[in-house]
Amino acid sequence: MTVDTAAQLLKATVDELSRRAPAVIAAAADQLRGIILGLHFGDGSRSELRADHSRLVVTGPNGETPHVEVYFDDRAMNLLFDLERKPVDQVWSQSLDVRGDRQQVLAVWRTFQVLSQRGSGLRAVQGLWRGYRDRNPQRWGQPAELPVDTRSRNPQHASNTGWHALDYLDHRYAQDIAKASSTVGGAVYTDARSLWDGYESKPWWQFADVVDTDLMETMQACKDRVSREFQRIVPDREPKAELYDLMREYPAREGKGLRPTLTIATCCALGGRDEDAVRAAAAVELFHNGFLVHDDIADESTHRRNEPTLHEAHGIGLAVNTGDAMNLLAVDAVLSNLPTLGLARTLGLIHEIMHMCRETVEGQAIELGWIRHLTVPKTDQDYFDMSTKKTGWYTCISPCRLGAICAGETDPRKLDLFTEAFRLIGIAFQIQDDVLNLLGDEVLYGKEPLGDLLEGKRTVMMIHLFREIAPKRRPRLLDIIRLSRPEKRFEDAEEILAAMHEVGSIEYAVKVADRLAHEGVRRFEADLTFVPENEAKALLRQIANYVTTRPL
């Protein structure tokens, strides 16, 4: 997206923060909740900003009357990201005009404090604002001499432009700071300090060499490191075409990197090295992909991560065998920790892995039983229990517990303290995944649109639909969901989706996910006080907020 106007800059900033620092967006949305903010900029562009649960949504004017209206001229834009000055110094005569109820104006001010103070530490955000500044140099005064400081990451930028925050950020990186993940075999987690860790914030000008924690970059770095380990442990021998090449194919498809990040971050938070957790994270990914191969066959899915499922491309026989091989190799990956982590920690990893697998297959059995017996569970709790077993353990809970074990924490009482917070976060994450299957972009989501409805998945939306729909409508809907996958038409799935919209099932599910995620964050703070406050723990907080800030 080209950023030529202030309105475009605001949307791009919110989009970047949603991907890279979701805790910042959640904190800002909490301040803005219920308020429609109209923004008028000096370049003539306009925007509206509002909170949608834990998200911030930026749109053009849509005819609604904003609760608060703000006008920024170019001088006010200059100071927006500069919290070195007191608020009274930032309101210049005829530069900033604000209209609205006093309490709502104060809430808007707090929203922008969160976005500016806590968001300015991200390189991606800095890049957006520097680019906007450089495309409009006349707005920021006459450029001064080029900086001679060799630490500058962008020496072509003029110093002393009048935009104090960005002048500072141009020079904030020490020469020897580099992403360790860029070197093969190097660490994927660098010791750093961010402005906002999801718990407290610090002004950017108090740190000379701040290196921010970017959730997107960190997840990518963890995923890449574990992917290299994954590729290393898959044997390079025959039969390649019918087995080992297929084992490499699924994990190589684009994924989020959530499980590797949770495993490595938890290990680092408890004082371990990132390399101590890499093989355990690779084992979880092997199990995960093995489960996906088998799950796709059971659900008769046709696509996974924007490509045909393994059984669609290569047949059920080879797919089943490949899934079996992934599970076998995952056990071997766990055992390979013996030389580096020792017997006690390796036994702890084995115990945790076995528990994780048992929970997963039990959850899969529950869901398949609902479909086999043509029933829809009656309560949300039924779904919560199934989801926790089927995906919650291997997606959220066990990765954290495995990371803790890799760091040397094998006390069951300490490990159990991770369970409730990440159980709630895991359920919220799965509900959001279910919603994205119905509403999300196929390219972004990676599965065929309405695939869950075609497969007959019993989601929170499905349970709510059958609770709320008029009794005379239920027989028709039951007839549809009782059809086998080959018998269902896309129009049948669209009919179910329309009924969900009619009774508010999707909005209901979003609210449930939001509530569970917030409760998970609360339990995180209450239960994990034994984990030191450090950058890795801050990353775990970011992941908790990532659940409900993903765009729908």
Protein backbone atom coordinates (compact mmCIF):
# COMPACT_ATOMS: atom_id res chain seq x y z
CA MET A 1 0.00 0.00 0.00
CA THR A 2 1.38 3.39 -0.99
CA VAL A 3 1.18 5.86 1.87
CA ASP A 4 0.76 9.34 0.44
CA THR A 5 -1.85 10.82 2.79
CA ALA A 6 -2.17 11.08 6.55
CA ALA A 7 -5.34 8.94 6.45
CA GLN A 8 -3.46 6.18 4.62
CA LEU A 9 -0.64 6.50 7.15
CA LEU A 10 -3.04 5.92 10.05
CA LYS A 11 -4.52 2.78 8.45
CA ALA A 12 -1.09 1.40 7.56
CA THR A 13 0.12 2.02 11.11
CA VAL A 14 -2.84 0.20 12.66
CA ASP A 15 -2.42 -2.69 10.20
CA GLU A 16 1.29 -3.05 11.03
CA LEU A 17 0.70 -2.91 14.76
CA SER A 18 -2.08 -5.51 14.47
CA ARG A 19 0.38 -7.93 12.89
CA ARG A 20 3.48 -7.08 14.88
CA ALA A 21 2.39 -5.82 18.32
CA PRO A 22 -1.19 -6.97 18.99
CA ALA A 23 -0.92 -6.14 22.70
CA VAL A 24 -0.56 -2.48 21.69
CA ILE A 25 -3.71 -2.63 19.54
CA ALA A 26 -5.65 -4.41 22.30
CA ALA A 27 -4.58 -1.76 24.84
CA ALA A 28 -5.55 1.09 22.50
CA ALA A 29 -8.90 -0.54 21.64
CA ASP A 30 -9.63 -0.86 25.33
CA GLN A 31 -9.28 2.92 25.69
CA LEU A 32 -11.38 3.73 22.61
CA ARG A 33 -14.13 1.20 23.26
CA GLY A 34 -17.54 2.49 22.13
CA ILE A 35 -16.23 5.76 20.66
CA ILE A 36 -16.32 6.67 16.95
CA LEU A 37 -13.45 9.04 16.23
CA GLY A 38 -13.51 11.28 13.17
CA LEU A 39 -10.10 12.47 11.98
CA HIS A 40 -9.47 15.40 9.62
CA PHE A 41 -5.90 15.94 8.45
CA GLY A 42 -4.11 18.99 7.10
CA ASP A 43 -3.62 17.36 3.70
CA GLY A 44 -7.40 17.11 3.24
CA SER A 45 -7.69 13.36 3.90
CA ARG A 46 -10.14 11.95 6.45
CA SER A 47 -10.57 8.76 8.47
CA GLU A 48 -12.78 7.19 11.09
CA LEU A 49 -11.32 5.08 13.89
CA ARG A 50 -13.29 2.74 16.14
CA ALA A 51 -12.75 -0.30 18.35
CA ASP A 52 -14.24 -3.67 17.43
CA HIS A 53 -13.70 -5.85 20.48
CA SER A 54 -9.90 -5.99 20.74
CA ARG A 55 -9.30 -4.63 17.24
CA LEU A 56 -8.95 -1.12 15.86
CA VAL A 57 -10.76 -0.51 12.58
CA VAL A 58 -9.84 2.38 10.27
CA THR A 59 -12.33 3.36 7.55
CA GLY A 60 -13.22 6.35 5.47
CA PRO A 61 -16.15 8.56 6.54
CA ASN A 62 -19.33 6.50 6.31
CA GLY A 63 -22.03 9.01 7.21
CA GLU A 64 -22.20 8.31 10.94
CA THR A 65 -21.74 11.21 13.33
CA PRO A 66 -18.48 10.72 15.24
CA HIS A 67 -18.51 11.06 19.02
CA VAL A 68 -15.20 12.93 18.88
CA GLU A 69 -13.73 14.88 15.95
CA VAL A 70 -10.05 15.80 15.71
CA TYR A 71 -8.33 18.07 13.21
CA PHE A 72 -4.54 17.78 12.77
CA ASP A 73 -2.61 20.26 10.70
CA ASP A 74 0.92 19.46 9.54
CA ARG A 75 2.51 20.82 12.71
CA ALA A 76 0.33 18.58 14.89
CA MET A 77 1.23 15.56 12.73
CA ASN A 78 4.87 16.47 13.30
CA LEU A 79 4.42 16.01 17.03
CA LEU A 80 2.09 13.00 17.02
CA PHE A 81 4.81 10.44 17.67
CA ASP A 82 6.90 12.73 19.85
CA LEU A 83 6.05 12.12 23.51
CA GLU A 84 9.22 13.79 24.75
CA ARG A 85 7.14 16.91 25.27
CA LYS A 86 4.32 17.47 27.70
CA PRO A 87 0.81 17.30 26.23
CA VAL A 88 0.27 21.04 26.75
CA ASP A 89 3.33 21.75 24.60
CA GLN A 90 1.88 19.69 21.75
CA VAL A 91 -1.31 21.74 21.36
CA TRP A 92 -0.25 24.70 19.26
CA SER A 93 -2.50 27.58 18.41
CA GLN A 94 -4.72 26.76 15.38
CA SER A 95 -2.82 23.48 14.95
CA LEU A 96 -5.07 20.96 16.69
CA ASP A 97 -8.83 21.19 17.10
CA VAL A 98 -10.76 18.63 19.16
CA ARG A 99 -14.52 18.52 19.62
CA GLY A 100 -16.54 16.13 21.75
CA ASP A 101 -17.56 15.11 25.25
CA ARG A 102 -14.80 15.70 27.80
CA GLN A 103 -14.50 12.08 28.94
CA GLN A 104 -14.55 10.79 25.38
CA VAL A 105 -11.89 13.30 24.34
CA LEU A 106 -9.69 12.09 27.17
CA ALA A 107 -10.25 8.48 26.07
CA VAL A 108 -9.18 9.44 22.53
CA TRP A 109 -6.08 11.11 23.93
CA ARG A 110 -5.18 7.95 25.87
CA THR A 111 -5.72 5.88 22.73
CA PHE A 112 -3.17 7.94 20.82
CA GLN A 113 -0.77 7.86 23.74
CA VAL A 114 -0.82 4.06 23.58
CA LEU A 115 -0.36 3.99 19.81
CA SER A 116 2.41 6.58 19.72
CA GLN A 117 4.43 5.79 22.82
CA ARG A 118 4.16 2.02 22.58
CA GLY A 119 4.01 1.67 18.82
CA SER A 120 6.95 3.89 17.91
CA GLY A 121 9.45 1.22 18.92
CA LEU A 122 8.68 -1.04 15.95
CA ARG A 123 10.95 -0.82 12.93
CA ALA A 124 8.01 -1.42 10.57
CA VAL A 125 6.14 1.55 12.04
CA GLN A 126 9.25 3.70 11.93
CA GLY A 127 9.66 2.77 8.28
CA LEU A 128 6.11 3.83 7.48
CA TRP A 129 6.50 7.21 9.14
CA ARG A 130 9.97 7.85 7.72
CA GLY A 131 8.67 7.00 4.26
CA TYR A 132 5.73 9.36 4.70
CA ARG A 133 8.08 12.08 5.92
CA ASP A 134 10.51 11.56 3.04
CA ARG A 135 7.73 11.74 0.42
CA ASN A 136 6.56 15.03 1.92
CA PRO A 137 9.78 16.78 3.02
CA GLN A 138 8.32 20.25 2.65
CA ARG A 139 6.05 19.64 5.61
CA TRP A 140 8.85 19.11 8.11
CA GLY A 141 11.07 22.12 7.55
CA GLN A 142 14.33 22.51 5.68
CA PRO A 143 16.62 19.44 5.75
CA ALA A 144 19.84 19.94 7.68
CA GLU A 145 23.24 18.38 7.08
CA LEU A 146 23.44 14.64 6.60
CA PRO A 147 24.24 12.82 9.86
CA VAL A 148 27.80 11.68 10.39
CA ASP A 149 26.84 9.12 13.03
CA THR A 150 27.81 5.75 11.54
CA ARG A 151 25.21 4.02 13.68
CA SER A 152 22.39 5.41 11.56
CA ARG A 153 20.47 2.71 9.71
CA ASN A 154 19.34 5.32 7.18
CA PRO A 155 22.20 7.79 6.67
CA GLN A 156 20.45 9.43 3.74
CA HIS A 157 17.91 10.97 6.08
CA ALA A 158 18.53 14.52 7.26
CA SER A 159 18.92 15.19 10.95
CA ASN A 160 17.25 17.99 12.90
CA THR A 161 14.18 17.97 10.70
CA GLY A 162 11.94 19.12 13.52
CA TRP A 163 10.44 15.68 13.91
CA HIS A 164 12.29 14.82 17.10
CA ALA A 165 11.07 11.26 17.57
CA LEU A 166 12.00 10.14 14.07
CA ASP A 167 15.36 11.89 14.17
CA TYR A 168 16.07 9.90 17.29
CA LEU A 169 14.82 6.64 15.83
CA ASP A 170 17.05 7.09 12.77
CA HIS A 171 20.06 6.83 15.10
CA ARG A 172 18.90 4.42 17.76
CA TYR A 173 20.53 1.22 16.55
CA ALA A 174 24.05 0.30 17.57
CA GLN A 175 26.31 -0.77 14.72
CA ASP A 176 26.74 -4.32 15.97
CA ILE A 177 23.04 -5.05 16.44
CA ALA A 178 21.85 -7.57 13.86
CA LYS A 179 19.24 -10.23 13.59
CA ALA A 180 20.94 -13.38 14.80
CA SER A 181 18.40 -15.45 12.91
CA SER A 182 19.92 -14.34 9.63
CA THR A 183 22.82 -16.73 10.14
CA VAL A 184 22.22 -20.44 9.75
CA GLY A 185 22.50 -22.14 13.09
CA GLY A 186 22.51 -18.86 14.99
CA ALA A 187 20.22 -18.00 17.85
CA VAL A 188 16.66 -17.11 16.95
CA TYR A 189 15.93 -15.16 20.08
CA THR A 190 17.97 -12.06 20.84
CA ASP A 191 18.10 -10.42 24.23
CA ALA A 192 16.25 -7.14 23.74
CA ARG A 193 14.16 -4.51 25.44
CA SER A 194 10.95 -3.15 23.97
CA LEU A 195 9.03 -0.02 24.79
CA TRP A 196 5.87 -1.92 25.61
CA ASP A 197 5.91 -5.48 26.89
CA GLY A 198 2.15 -5.89 27.36
CA TYR A 199 2.55 -5.13 31.04
CA GLU A 200 4.16 -1.72 31.34
CA SER A 201 5.61 0.90 29.04
CA LYS A 202 8.68 3.10 29.01
CA PRO A 203 9.24 6.30 27.02
CA TRP A 204 11.45 5.68 23.98
CA TRP A 205 13.86 8.48 24.79
CA GLN A 206 14.99 6.77 28.01
CA PHE A 207 16.77 4.00 26.10
CA ALA A 208 19.84 4.65 24.00
CA ASP A 209 19.91 1.31 22.17
CA VAL A 210 16.40 -0.10 22.23
CA VAL A 211 15.74 -3.13 20.04
CA ASP A 212 12.04 -3.78 19.69
CA THR A 213 10.27 -7.12 19.85
CA ASP A 214 8.26 -7.55 16.69
CA LEU A 215 5.84 -10.48 17.02
CA MET A 216 5.71 -11.13 13.27
CA GLU A 217 9.49 -11.08 12.88
CA THR A 218 10.05 -13.19 15.99
CA MET A 219 7.49 -15.80 14.96
CA GLN A 220 9.06 -15.94 11.51
CA ALA A 221 12.55 -16.31 13.00
CA CYS A 222 11.42 -19.12 15.31
CA LYS A 223 9.56 -20.83 12.49
CA ASP A 224 12.56 -20.62 10.15
CA ARG A 225 14.95 -22.01 12.76
CA VAL A 226 12.63 -24.91 13.59
CA SER A 227 12.02 -25.50 9.88
CA ARG A 228 15.77 -25.89 9.34
CA GLU A 229 15.86 -28.38 12.19
CA PHE A 230 12.84 -30.17 10.72
CA GLN A 231 14.55 -30.49 7.35
CA ARG A 232 17.74 -31.69 9.02
CA ILE A 233 16.13 -34.56 10.92
CA VAL A 234 14.07 -35.90 8.00
CA PRO A 235 16.28 -38.63 6.48
CA ASP A 236 17.88 -37.98 3.10
CA ARG A 237 17.45 -41.46 1.67
CA GLU A 238 15.04 -43.58 -0.30
CA PRO A 239 12.12 -43.82 -0.68
CA LYS A 240 12.14 -40.10 -1.30
CA ALA A 241 9.25 -39.54 -3.71
CA GLU A 242 6.84 -41.76 -1.79
CA LEU A 243 7.81 -40.79 1.77
CA TYR A 244 10.57 -38.37 2.75
CA ASP A 245 9.83 -35.72 0.13
CA LEU A 246 6.19 -35.83 1.21
CA MET A 247 7.24 -35.40 4.85
CA ARG A 248 9.08 -32.23 3.89
CA GLU A 249 6.23 -30.89 1.75
CA TYR A 250 3.53 -30.16 4.36
CA PRO A 251 5.69 -28.30 6.90
CA ALA A 252 7.25 -26.23 4.10
CA ARG A 253 3.84 -24.72 3.37
CA GLU A 254 3.28 -21.32 4.92
CA GLY A 255 2.13 -21.37 8.55
CA LYS A 256 2.08 -18.93 11.44
CA GLY A 257 4.91 -20.37 13.55
CA LEU A 258 2.83 -20.18 16.73
CA ARG A 259 3.96 -23.47 18.32
CA PRO A 260 7.71 -22.95 17.74
CA THR A 261 7.45 -19.42 19.13
CA LEU A 262 5.62 -20.53 22.28
CA THR A 263 8.13 -23.32 22.89
CA ILE A 264 11.23 -21.18 22.39
CA ALA A 265 9.86 -18.09 24.18
CA THR A 266 8.83 -20.10 27.27
CA CYS A 267 12.26 -21.72 27.41
CA CYS A 268 13.97 -18.32 27.19
CA ALA A 269 11.58 -16.75 29.71
CA LEU A 270 12.69 -19.33 32.28
CA GLY A 271 16.37 -18.78 31.64
CA GLY A 272 17.04 -21.45 29.01
CA ARG A 273 18.78 -21.00 25.68
CA ASP A 274 16.76 -20.88 22.50
CA GLU A 275 18.78 -23.80 21.09
CA ASP A 276 17.69 -25.93 24.06
CA ALA A 277 14.10 -25.80 22.77
CA VAL A 278 14.61 -26.18 19.02
CA ARG A 279 14.36 -29.98 18.80
CA ALA A 280 11.31 -30.08 21.07
CA ALA A 281 9.67 -27.41 18.89
CA ALA A 282 10.52 -29.44 15.78
CA ALA A 283 8.95 -32.52 17.38
CA VAL A 284 5.71 -30.61 18.01
CA GLU A 285 5.68 -29.47 14.38
CA LEU A 286 6.17 -33.06 13.23
CA PHE A 287 3.26 -34.22 15.37
CA HIS A 288 1.18 -31.27 14.22
CA ASN A 289 1.73 -31.98 10.54
CA GLY A 290 1.15 -35.70 11.04
CA PHE A 291 -2.15 -34.87 12.73
CA LEU A 292 -3.07 -32.52 9.88
CA VAL A 293 -2.46 -35.19 7.25
CA HIS A 294 -4.72 -37.65 9.07
CA ASP A 295 -7.25 -34.96 10.00
CA ASP A 296 -7.62 -33.88 6.37
CA ILE A 297 -8.37 -37.47 5.38
CA ALA A 298 -10.95 -37.88 8.16
CA ASP A 299 -12.61 -34.56 7.25
CA GLU A 300 -12.35 -35.19 3.48
CA SER A 301 -10.68 -31.78 3.14
CA THR A 302 -9.47 -30.77 -0.30
CA HIS A 303 -7.04 -27.93 0.50
CA ARG A 304 -4.55 -27.06 3.20
CA ARG A 305 -2.53 -23.83 3.21
CA ASN A 306 -3.65 -22.88 -0.29
CA GLU A 307 -2.61 -26.19 -1.86
CA PRO A 308 -4.27 -29.60 -2.32
CA THR A 309 -4.18 -31.79 0.75
CA LEU A 310 -1.67 -34.62 0.74
CA HIS A 311 -4.25 -37.33 0.13
CA GLU A 312 -5.83 -35.33 -2.72
CA ALA A 313 -2.46 -34.92 -4.41
CA HIS A 314 -0.90 -38.32 -3.72
CA GLY A 315 -3.67 -40.67 -2.62
CA ILE A 316 -4.91 -41.82 0.79
CA GLY A 317 -2.42 -44.67 1.15
CA LEU A 318 0.72 -42.55 0.82
CA ALA A 319 -0.83 -39.79 2.94
CA VAL A 320 -1.65 -42.14 5.84
CA ASN A 321 1.84 -43.61 5.73
CA THR A 322 3.44 -40.16 5.65
CA GLY A 323 1.42 -39.05 8.68
CA ASP A 324 2.49 -42.20 10.53
CA ALA A 325 6.13 -41.54 9.66
CA MET A 326 5.91 -37.95 10.94
CA ASN A 327 4.64 -39.15 14.30
CA LEU A 328 7.42 -41.75 14.52
CA LEU A 329 10.11 -39.24 13.62
CA ALA A 330 8.72 -36.81 16.21
CA VAL A 331 9.41 -39.35 18.97
CA ASP A 332 12.96 -39.74 17.66
CA ALA A 333 13.38 -35.93 17.71
CA VAL A 334 12.38 -35.84 21.38
CA LEU A 335 14.81 -38.64 22.26
CA SER A 336 17.62 -36.81 20.47
CA ASN A 337 17.65 -34.31 23.37
CA LEU A 338 19.37 -36.84 25.65
CA PRO A 339 22.96 -35.76 24.86
CA THR A 340 22.26 -32.03 25.36
CA LEU A 341 19.44 -31.79 27.91
CA GLY A 342 20.13 -34.92 29.91
CA LEU A 343 17.93 -37.75 31.13
CA ALA A 344 15.59 -35.88 33.50
CA ARG A 345 14.53 -33.19 31.04
CA THR A 346 14.24 -35.68 28.16
CA LEU A 347 12.01 -37.94 30.25
CA GLY A 348 9.92 -34.90 31.09
CA LEU A 349 9.59 -34.09 27.39
CA ILE A 350 8.53 -37.66 26.59
CA HIS A 351 5.90 -37.62 29.33
CA GLU A 352 4.53 -34.28 28.07
CA ILE A 353 4.49 -35.41 24.43
CA MET A 354 2.61 -38.60 25.27
CA HIS A 355 0.03 -36.64 27.26
CA MET A 356 -0.34 -34.16 24.38
CA CYS A 357 -0.94 -36.94 21.84
CA ARG A 358 -3.49 -38.68 24.05
CA GLU A 359 -5.47 -35.46 24.50
CA THR A 360 -5.38 -34.81 20.75
CA VAL A 361 -6.69 -38.19 19.63
CA GLU A 362 -9.40 -38.09 22.31
CA GLY A 363 -10.54 -34.69 21.05
CA GLN A 364 -10.56 -35.92 17.46
CA ALA A 365 -12.65 -38.92 18.53
CA ILE A 366 -15.21 -36.67 20.25
CA GLU A 367 -15.62 -34.48 17.15
CA LEU A 368 -15.82 -37.42 14.76
CA GLY A 369 -18.39 -39.00 17.09
CA TRP A 370 -20.65 -35.95 16.80
CA ILE A 371 -20.49 -36.18 13.02
CA ARG A 372 -20.89 -39.96 12.94
CA HIS A 373 -23.98 -39.87 15.19
CA LEU A 374 -25.44 -36.85 13.35
CA THR A 375 -25.70 -34.76 16.51
CA VAL A 376 -25.00 -31.14 17.40
CA PRO A 377 -23.80 -30.61 20.98
CA LYS A 378 -26.06 -28.44 23.09
CA THR A 379 -23.62 -26.24 25.02
CA ASP A 380 -20.56 -24.14 24.34
CA GLN A 381 -18.78 -26.06 27.09
CA ASP A 382 -19.04 -29.23 24.97
CA TYR A 383 -17.12 -27.41 22.25
CA PHE A 384 -14.62 -25.97 24.74
CA ASP A 385 -13.80 -29.45 26.06
CA MET A 386 -13.42 -30.95 22.58
CA SER A 387 -11.38 -28.03 21.25
CA THR A 388 -9.01 -28.08 24.22
CA LYS A 389 -8.31 -31.76 23.65
CA LYS A 390 -8.16 -31.74 19.86
CA THR A 391 -6.10 -28.59 19.25
CA GLY A 392 -5.57 -26.69 22.51
CA TRP A 393 -2.98 -29.00 23.97
CA TYR A 394 -0.67 -29.31 20.98
CA THR A 395 -1.25 -25.71 19.77
CA CYS A 396 -0.87 -23.70 23.00
CA ILE A 397 -0.60 -25.63 26.26
CA SER A 398 2.03 -28.29 25.52
CA PRO A 399 4.39 -25.99 23.57
CA CYS A 400 4.65 -23.79 26.69
CA ARG A 401 5.09 -26.76 29.01
CA LEU A 402 7.69 -28.30 26.69
CA GLY A 403 9.60 -25.02 26.55
CA ALA A 404 9.59 -24.87 30.35
CA ILE A 405 10.94 -28.42 30.57
CA CYS A 406 13.69 -27.55 28.08
CA ALA A 407 14.72 -24.74 30.45
CA GLY A 408 14.93 -27.26 33.32
CA GLU A 409 11.52 -26.72 34.95
CA THR A 410 10.10 -30.21 35.52
CA ASP A 411 8.02 -29.56 38.66
CA PRO A 412 4.46 -30.66 37.71
CA ARG A 413 2.98 -27.93 39.92
CA LYS A 414 4.87 -25.24 37.99
CA LEU A 415 4.05 -26.77 34.61
CA ASP A 416 0.36 -26.92 35.53
CA LEU A 417 0.38 -23.15 36.04
CA PHE A 418 0.70 -22.74 32.25
CA THR A 419 -2.34 -24.90 31.59
CA GLU A 420 -5.39 -22.77 32.43
CA ALA A 421 -4.19 -19.52 30.84
CA PHE A 422 -3.23 -21.22 27.59
CA ARG A 423 -6.29 -23.48 27.65
CA LEU A 424 -8.45 -20.35 27.48
CA ILE A 425 -6.20 -18.71 24.89
CA GLY A 426 -6.20 -21.93 22.84
CA ILE A 427 -10.00 -22.12 22.76
CA ALA A 428 -10.19 -18.47 21.74
CA PHE A 429 -7.63 -19.08 19.01
CA GLN A 430 -9.61 -22.04 17.63
CA ILE A 431 -12.88 -20.11 17.66
CA GLN A 432 -11.21 -17.31 15.72
CA ASP A 433 -9.88 -19.90 13.27
CA ASP A 434 -13.41 -21.23 12.84
CA VAL A 435 -14.70 -17.69 12.21
CA LEU A 436 -11.91 -17.03 9.70
CA ASN A 437 -12.94 -20.18 7.82
CA LEU A 438 -16.32 -18.57 7.24
CA LEU A 439 -15.28 -14.96 6.67
CA GLY A 440 -11.55 -14.88 5.97
CA ASP A 441 -9.72 -14.45 2.70
CA GLU A 442 -8.85 -17.89 1.30
CA VAL A 443 -5.33 -16.70 0.46
CA LEU A 444 -4.76 -15.49 4.03
CA TYR A 445 -6.56 -18.37 5.76
CA GLY A 446 -5.12 -21.14 3.62
CA LYS A 447 -8.17 -23.42 3.44
CA GLU A 448 -11.07 -23.65 1.07
CA PRO A 449 -13.86 -21.15 1.88
CA LEU A 450 -16.68 -22.59 4.03
CA GLY A 451 -14.69 -25.81 4.36
CA ASP A 452 -15.85 -26.31 7.96
CA LEU A 453 -19.50 -26.14 6.90
CA LEU A 454 -18.91 -28.57 4.06
CA GLU A 455 -17.19 -30.92 6.49
CA GLY A 456 -19.96 -30.55 9.08
CA LYS A 457 -17.69 -29.20 11.84
CA ARG A 458 -19.55 -28.58 15.10
CA THR A 459 -18.27 -25.11 15.93
CA VAL A 460 -19.48 -22.53 18.47
CA MET A 461 -21.35 -20.88 15.59
CA MET A 462 -23.08 -24.16 14.70
CA ILE A 463 -24.04 -24.82 18.34
CA HIS A 464 -25.38 -21.26 18.72
CA LEU A 465 -27.31 -21.54 15.44
CA PHE A 466 -29.20 -24.63 16.57
CA ARG A 467 -29.91 -23.03 19.96
CA GLU A 468 -31.31 -19.82 18.44
CA ILE A 469 -32.95 -20.75 15.14
CA ALA A 470 -36.74 -21.11 15.08
CA PRO A 471 -37.78 -24.75 15.73
CA LYS A 472 -39.56 -25.00 12.37
CA ARG A 473 -36.25 -24.18 10.60
CA ARG A 474 -34.16 -26.84 12.38
CA PRO A 475 -35.22 -29.89 10.32
CA ARG A 476 -33.98 -28.32 7.08
CA LEU A 477 -30.64 -27.36 8.64
CA LEU A 478 -30.25 -30.82 10.18
CA ASP A 479 -30.88 -32.36 6.77
CA ILE A 480 -27.99 -30.32 5.37
CA ILE A 481 -25.42 -31.07 8.06
CA ARG A 482 -26.30 -34.78 7.94
CA LEU A 483 -25.23 -34.97 4.30
CA SER A 484 -21.83 -36.54 3.73
CA ARG A 485 -19.07 -34.35 2.37
CA PRO A 486 -19.41 -35.59 -1.27
CA GLU A 487 -23.18 -35.01 -1.10
CA LYS A 488 -22.96 -31.40 0.10
CA ARG A 489 -23.09 -28.59 -2.42
CA PHE A 490 -21.49 -25.20 -1.89
CA GLU A 491 -25.01 -23.74 -1.90
CA ASP A 492 -25.84 -25.88 1.14
CA ALA A 493 -22.93 -24.39 3.05
CA GLU A 494 -24.01 -20.90 2.02
CA GLU A 495 -27.52 -21.62 3.35
CA ILE A 496 -26.08 -22.57 6.74
CA LEU A 497 -23.89 -19.44 6.71
CA ALA A 498 -26.88 -17.23 5.92
CA ALA A 499 -28.78 -18.72 8.85
CA MET A 500 -25.81 -18.03 11.13
CA HIS A 501 -25.79 -14.39 10.04
CA GLU A 502 -29.54 -14.24 10.61
CA VAL A 503 -29.35 -15.25 14.29
CA GLY A 504 -26.02 -13.54 15.04
CA SER A 505 -23.95 -16.69 15.50
CA ILE A 506 -20.72 -15.25 14.10
CA GLU A 507 -20.80 -12.09 16.20
CA TYR A 508 -21.63 -14.28 19.19
CA ALA A 509 -18.55 -16.44 18.52
CA VAL A 510 -16.30 -13.37 18.21
CA LYS A 511 -17.55 -12.13 21.58
CA VAL A 512 -16.96 -15.53 23.18
CA ALA A 513 -13.41 -15.66 21.80
CA ASP A 514 -12.75 -12.12 23.02
CA ARG A 515 -14.00 -12.97 26.52
CA LEU A 516 -11.95 -16.17 26.72
CA ALA A 517 -8.79 -14.46 25.48
CA HIS A 518 -9.11 -11.68 28.05
CA GLU A 519 -9.70 -14.23 30.79
CA GLY A 520 -6.64 -16.12 29.54
CA VAL A 521 -4.52 -12.98 29.80
CA ARG A 522 -5.83 -12.40 33.33
CA ARG A 523 -4.88 -15.95 34.31
CA PHE A 524 -1.50 -15.47 32.64
CA GLU A 525 -0.77 -12.54 34.96
CA ALA A 526 -2.17 -14.29 38.04
CA ASP A 527 -0.66 -17.75 37.54
CA LEU A 528 2.73 -17.08 35.96
CA THR A 529 4.24 -14.70 38.49
CA PHE A 530 7.03 -17.23 39.00
CA VAL A 531 8.23 -16.51 35.44
CA PRO A 532 10.64 -13.52 35.51
CA GLU A 533 9.64 -10.32 33.75
CA ASN A 534 11.75 -10.37 30.61
CA GLU A 535 11.46 -9.99 26.86
CA ALA A 536 10.48 -13.60 26.30
CA LYS A 537 7.61 -13.38 28.77
CA ALA A 538 6.53 -10.18 27.02
CA LEU A 539 6.40 -12.13 23.77
CA LEU A 540 4.03 -14.65 25.37
CA ARG A 541 1.77 -11.73 26.30
CA GLN A 542 1.81 -10.51 22.70
CA ILE A 543 0.71 -13.96 21.50
CA ALA A 544 -2.23 -13.93 23.90
CA ASN A 545 -3.46 -10.68 22.36
CA TYR A 546 -2.70 -11.89 18.84
CA VAL A 547 -5.64 -14.28 19.21
CA THR A 548 -8.29 -11.56 19.13
CA THR A 549 -6.62 -8.83 17.07
CA ARG A 550 -6.37 -10.84 13.85
CA PRO A 551 -8.47 -9.18 11.12
CA LEU A 552 -11.71 -10.95 10.22
